[in-house]
Amino acid sequence: MIETVNPRNGWFAIVPDGDRDIRYAPDRLPDEFKKGGLRVVFSGRVGRVDPNVRSWGIPLALTDIRIDSARP
């Protein structure tokens, strides 16, 4: 599901259903997916988190994203 982190700065997270404590910070989220509460199916490569840098999400290089039509 897409979560709005800071819309003024264009920050949107992807939160997986399986672990609601994780927030991925996608590298290039298309504008049509920048809607809080939107359910999506996605894949990508998880980036490394530098322990010395504070971040709101785990870096994610998206390889595919689409609206989850199976769930309302």
N, C-alpha and C. Protein backbone atom coordinates (compact mmCIF):
# COMPACT_ATOMS: atom_id res chain seq x y z
N MET A 1 0.84 -1.17 0.00
CA MET A 1 0.00 0.00 0.00
C MET A 1 0.90 1.25 0.00
N ILE A 2 0.45 2.26 -0.71
CA ILE A 2 1.18 3.53 -0.74
C ILE A 2 0.82 4.33 0.51
N GLU A 3 1.85 4.89 1.13
CA GLU A 3 1.66 5.72 2.32
C GLU A 3 2.27 7.09 2.04
N THR A 4 1.55 8.15 2.34
CA THR A 4 2.07 9.50 2.18
C THR A 4 2.98 9.83 3.35
N VAL A 5 4.24 10.16 3.04
CA VAL A 5 5.20 10.53 4.09
C VAL A 5 5.26 12.05 4.20
N ASN A 6 5.51 12.72 3.08
CA ASN A 6 5.56 14.18 3.04
C ASN A 6 5.23 14.62 1.61
N PRO A 7 3.97 14.93 1.33
CA PRO A 7 3.58 15.25 -0.04
C PRO A 7 4.24 16.50 -0.61
N ARG A 8 4.57 17.46 0.24
CA ARG A 8 5.24 18.68 -0.26
C ARG A 8 6.60 18.37 -0.85
N ASN A 9 7.28 17.39 -0.25
CA ASN A 9 8.60 16.99 -0.74
C ASN A 9 8.53 15.84 -1.73
N GLY A 10 7.32 15.32 -1.99
CA GLY A 10 7.17 14.21 -2.92
C GLY A 10 7.59 12.88 -2.35
N TRP A 11 7.46 12.72 -1.04
CA TRP A 11 7.88 11.48 -0.38
C TRP A 11 6.68 10.57 -0.16
N PHE A 12 6.74 9.41 -0.79
CA PHE A 12 5.71 8.40 -0.65
C PHE A 12 6.40 7.07 -0.39
N ALA A 13 5.87 6.31 0.56
CA ALA A 13 6.45 5.02 0.92
C ALA A 13 5.57 3.90 0.39
N ILE A 14 6.18 2.73 0.22
CA ILE A 14 5.44 1.51 -0.07
C ILE A 14 5.54 0.65 1.18
N VAL A 15 4.38 0.28 1.72
CA VAL A 15 4.32 -0.53 2.94
C VAL A 15 3.74 -1.89 2.56
N PRO A 16 4.52 -2.97 2.72
CA PRO A 16 4.01 -4.29 2.34
C PRO A 16 2.97 -4.81 3.34
N ASP A 17 1.99 -5.56 2.83
CA ASP A 17 0.96 -6.13 3.70
C ASP A 17 1.55 -7.10 4.71
N GLY A 18 2.59 -7.83 4.32
CA GLY A 18 3.17 -8.85 5.19
C GLY A 18 3.93 -8.32 6.39
N ASP A 19 4.36 -7.06 6.33
CA ASP A 19 5.10 -6.47 7.46
C ASP A 19 4.85 -4.97 7.48
N ARG A 20 3.86 -4.56 8.24
CA ARG A 20 3.44 -3.15 8.28
C ARG A 20 4.46 -2.25 8.97
N ASP A 21 5.52 -2.83 9.55
CA ASP A 21 6.57 -2.02 10.19
C ASP A 21 7.65 -1.58 9.20
N ILE A 22 7.60 -2.09 7.98
CA ILE A 22 8.60 -1.73 6.96
C ILE A 22 8.03 -0.64 6.06
N ARG A 23 8.89 0.34 5.75
CA ARG A 23 8.52 1.37 4.77
C ARG A 23 9.64 1.45 3.74
N TYR A 24 9.30 1.15 2.49
CA TYR A 24 10.27 1.27 1.41
C TYR A 24 10.19 2.66 0.81
N ALA A 25 11.35 3.23 0.50
CA ALA A 25 11.44 4.53 -0.15
C ALA A 25 11.78 4.30 -1.63
N PRO A 26 10.76 4.26 -2.50
CA PRO A 26 11.02 3.97 -3.90
C PRO A 26 11.78 5.09 -4.58
N ASP A 27 12.66 4.70 -5.51
CA ASP A 27 13.50 5.69 -6.19
C ASP A 27 12.74 6.53 -7.21
N ARG A 28 11.87 5.92 -7.97
CA ARG A 28 11.12 6.64 -9.01
C ARG A 28 9.67 6.17 -9.01
N LEU A 29 8.88 6.74 -8.14
CA LEU A 29 7.47 6.37 -8.08
C LEU A 29 6.70 7.22 -9.09
N PRO A 30 6.08 6.58 -10.11
CA PRO A 30 5.31 7.36 -11.09
C PRO A 30 4.19 8.15 -10.42
N ASP A 31 3.88 9.31 -10.98
CA ASP A 31 2.87 10.20 -10.39
C ASP A 31 1.52 9.53 -10.16
N GLU A 32 1.12 8.64 -11.05
CA GLU A 32 -0.20 8.01 -10.91
C GLU A 32 -0.29 7.09 -9.68
N PHE A 33 0.86 6.79 -9.05
CA PHE A 33 0.88 5.96 -7.85
C PHE A 33 1.06 6.79 -6.57
N LYS A 34 1.14 8.08 -6.68
CA LYS A 34 1.35 8.94 -5.52
C LYS A 34 0.01 9.31 -4.88
N LYS A 35 -0.64 8.28 -4.33
CA LYS A 35 -1.95 8.43 -3.69
C LYS A 35 -1.95 7.59 -2.43
N GLY A 36 -2.04 8.23 -1.28
CA GLY A 36 -2.08 7.50 -0.01
C GLY A 36 -3.22 6.51 0.03
N GLY A 37 -2.95 5.28 0.47
CA GLY A 37 -3.96 4.25 0.57
C GLY A 37 -4.11 3.39 -0.67
N LEU A 38 -3.45 3.76 -1.77
CA LEU A 38 -3.53 2.99 -3.00
C LEU A 38 -2.85 1.64 -2.80
N ARG A 39 -3.55 0.57 -3.14
CA ARG A 39 -2.99 -0.78 -3.00
C ARG A 39 -2.27 -1.14 -4.29
N VAL A 40 -1.02 -1.59 -4.15
CA VAL A 40 -0.19 -1.89 -5.31
C VAL A 40 0.49 -3.25 -5.15
N VAL A 41 0.93 -3.78 -6.29
CA VAL A 41 1.80 -4.94 -6.36
C VAL A 41 3.10 -4.41 -6.94
N PHE A 42 4.23 -4.74 -6.32
CA PHE A 42 5.49 -4.15 -6.76
C PHE A 42 6.63 -5.15 -6.65
N SER A 43 7.71 -4.84 -7.35
CA SER A 43 8.96 -5.58 -7.20
C SER A 43 10.09 -4.59 -7.38
N GLY A 44 11.24 -4.96 -6.87
CA GLY A 44 12.39 -4.08 -6.97
C GLY A 44 13.58 -4.63 -6.22
N ARG A 45 14.65 -3.87 -6.24
CA ARG A 45 15.88 -4.24 -5.54
C ARG A 45 16.02 -3.36 -4.31
N VAL A 46 16.17 -4.02 -3.17
CA VAL A 46 16.33 -3.31 -1.91
C VAL A 46 17.76 -2.81 -1.80
N GLY A 47 17.90 -1.54 -1.48
CA GLY A 47 19.23 -0.93 -1.35
C GLY A 47 19.79 -1.07 0.05
N ARG A 48 21.02 -0.69 0.18
CA ARG A 48 21.71 -0.74 1.47
C ARG A 48 21.35 0.49 2.29
N VAL A 49 21.14 0.27 3.57
CA VAL A 49 20.84 1.37 4.49
C VAL A 49 22.12 1.70 5.24
N ASP A 50 22.59 2.94 5.09
CA ASP A 50 23.78 3.39 5.80
C ASP A 50 23.41 3.61 7.27
N PRO A 51 24.07 2.93 8.20
CA PRO A 51 23.71 3.08 9.61
C PRO A 51 23.98 4.48 10.17
N ASN A 52 24.76 5.29 9.45
CA ASN A 52 25.09 6.64 9.92
C ASN A 52 24.18 7.72 9.34
N VAL A 53 23.21 7.30 8.54
CA VAL A 53 22.30 8.26 7.90
C VAL A 53 20.88 7.96 8.36
N ARG A 54 20.20 9.00 8.81
CA ARG A 54 18.81 8.84 9.23
C ARG A 54 17.91 8.90 8.00
N SER A 55 17.02 7.95 7.88
CA SER A 55 16.15 7.88 6.72
C SER A 55 14.76 7.43 7.15
N TRP A 56 13.74 7.83 6.43
CA TRP A 56 12.38 7.45 6.76
C TRP A 56 11.99 6.12 6.13
N GLY A 57 12.82 5.60 5.23
CA GLY A 57 12.47 4.34 4.57
C GLY A 57 13.69 3.62 4.02
N ILE A 58 13.50 2.36 3.70
CA ILE A 58 14.55 1.53 3.11
C ILE A 58 14.58 1.81 1.61
N PRO A 59 15.76 2.14 1.05
CA PRO A 59 15.84 2.43 -0.38
C PRO A 59 15.34 1.25 -1.22
N LEU A 60 14.56 1.56 -2.25
CA LEU A 60 14.03 0.54 -3.14
C LEU A 60 14.10 1.03 -4.58
N ALA A 61 14.84 0.29 -5.42
CA ALA A 61 14.89 0.58 -6.85
C ALA A 61 13.75 -0.21 -7.50
N LEU A 62 12.68 0.46 -7.85
CA LEU A 62 11.52 -0.21 -8.43
C LEU A 62 11.85 -0.81 -9.79
N THR A 63 11.42 -2.05 -10.00
CA THR A 63 11.53 -2.66 -11.32
C THR A 63 10.15 -2.85 -11.94
N ASP A 64 9.11 -2.89 -11.10
CA ASP A 64 7.75 -3.03 -11.59
C ASP A 64 6.78 -2.57 -10.50
N ILE A 65 5.72 -1.90 -10.91
CA ILE A 65 4.66 -1.52 -9.97
C ILE A 65 3.36 -1.41 -10.76
N ARG A 66 2.29 -1.90 -10.14
CA ARG A 66 0.97 -1.82 -10.76
C ARG A 66 -0.09 -1.78 -9.67
N ILE A 67 -1.26 -1.31 -10.02
CA ILE A 67 -2.36 -1.27 -9.07
C ILE A 67 -2.82 -2.69 -8.80
N ASP A 68 -3.08 -2.99 -7.54
CA ASP A 68 -3.55 -4.32 -7.15
C ASP A 68 -5.04 -4.41 -7.43
N SER A 69 -5.40 -4.98 -8.57
CA SER A 69 -6.80 -5.06 -8.96
C SER A 69 -7.54 -6.19 -8.24
N ALA A 70 -6.81 -7.07 -7.56
CA ALA A 70 -7.44 -8.18 -6.84
C ALA A 70 -7.98 -7.75 -5.49
N ARG A 71 -7.53 -6.61 -4.99
CA ARG A 71 -7.98 -6.13 -3.67
C ARG A 71 -8.59 -4.75 -3.82
N PRO A 72 -9.72 -4.53 -3.16
CA PRO A 72 -10.37 -3.21 -3.25
C PRO A 72 -9.61 -2.14 -2.52
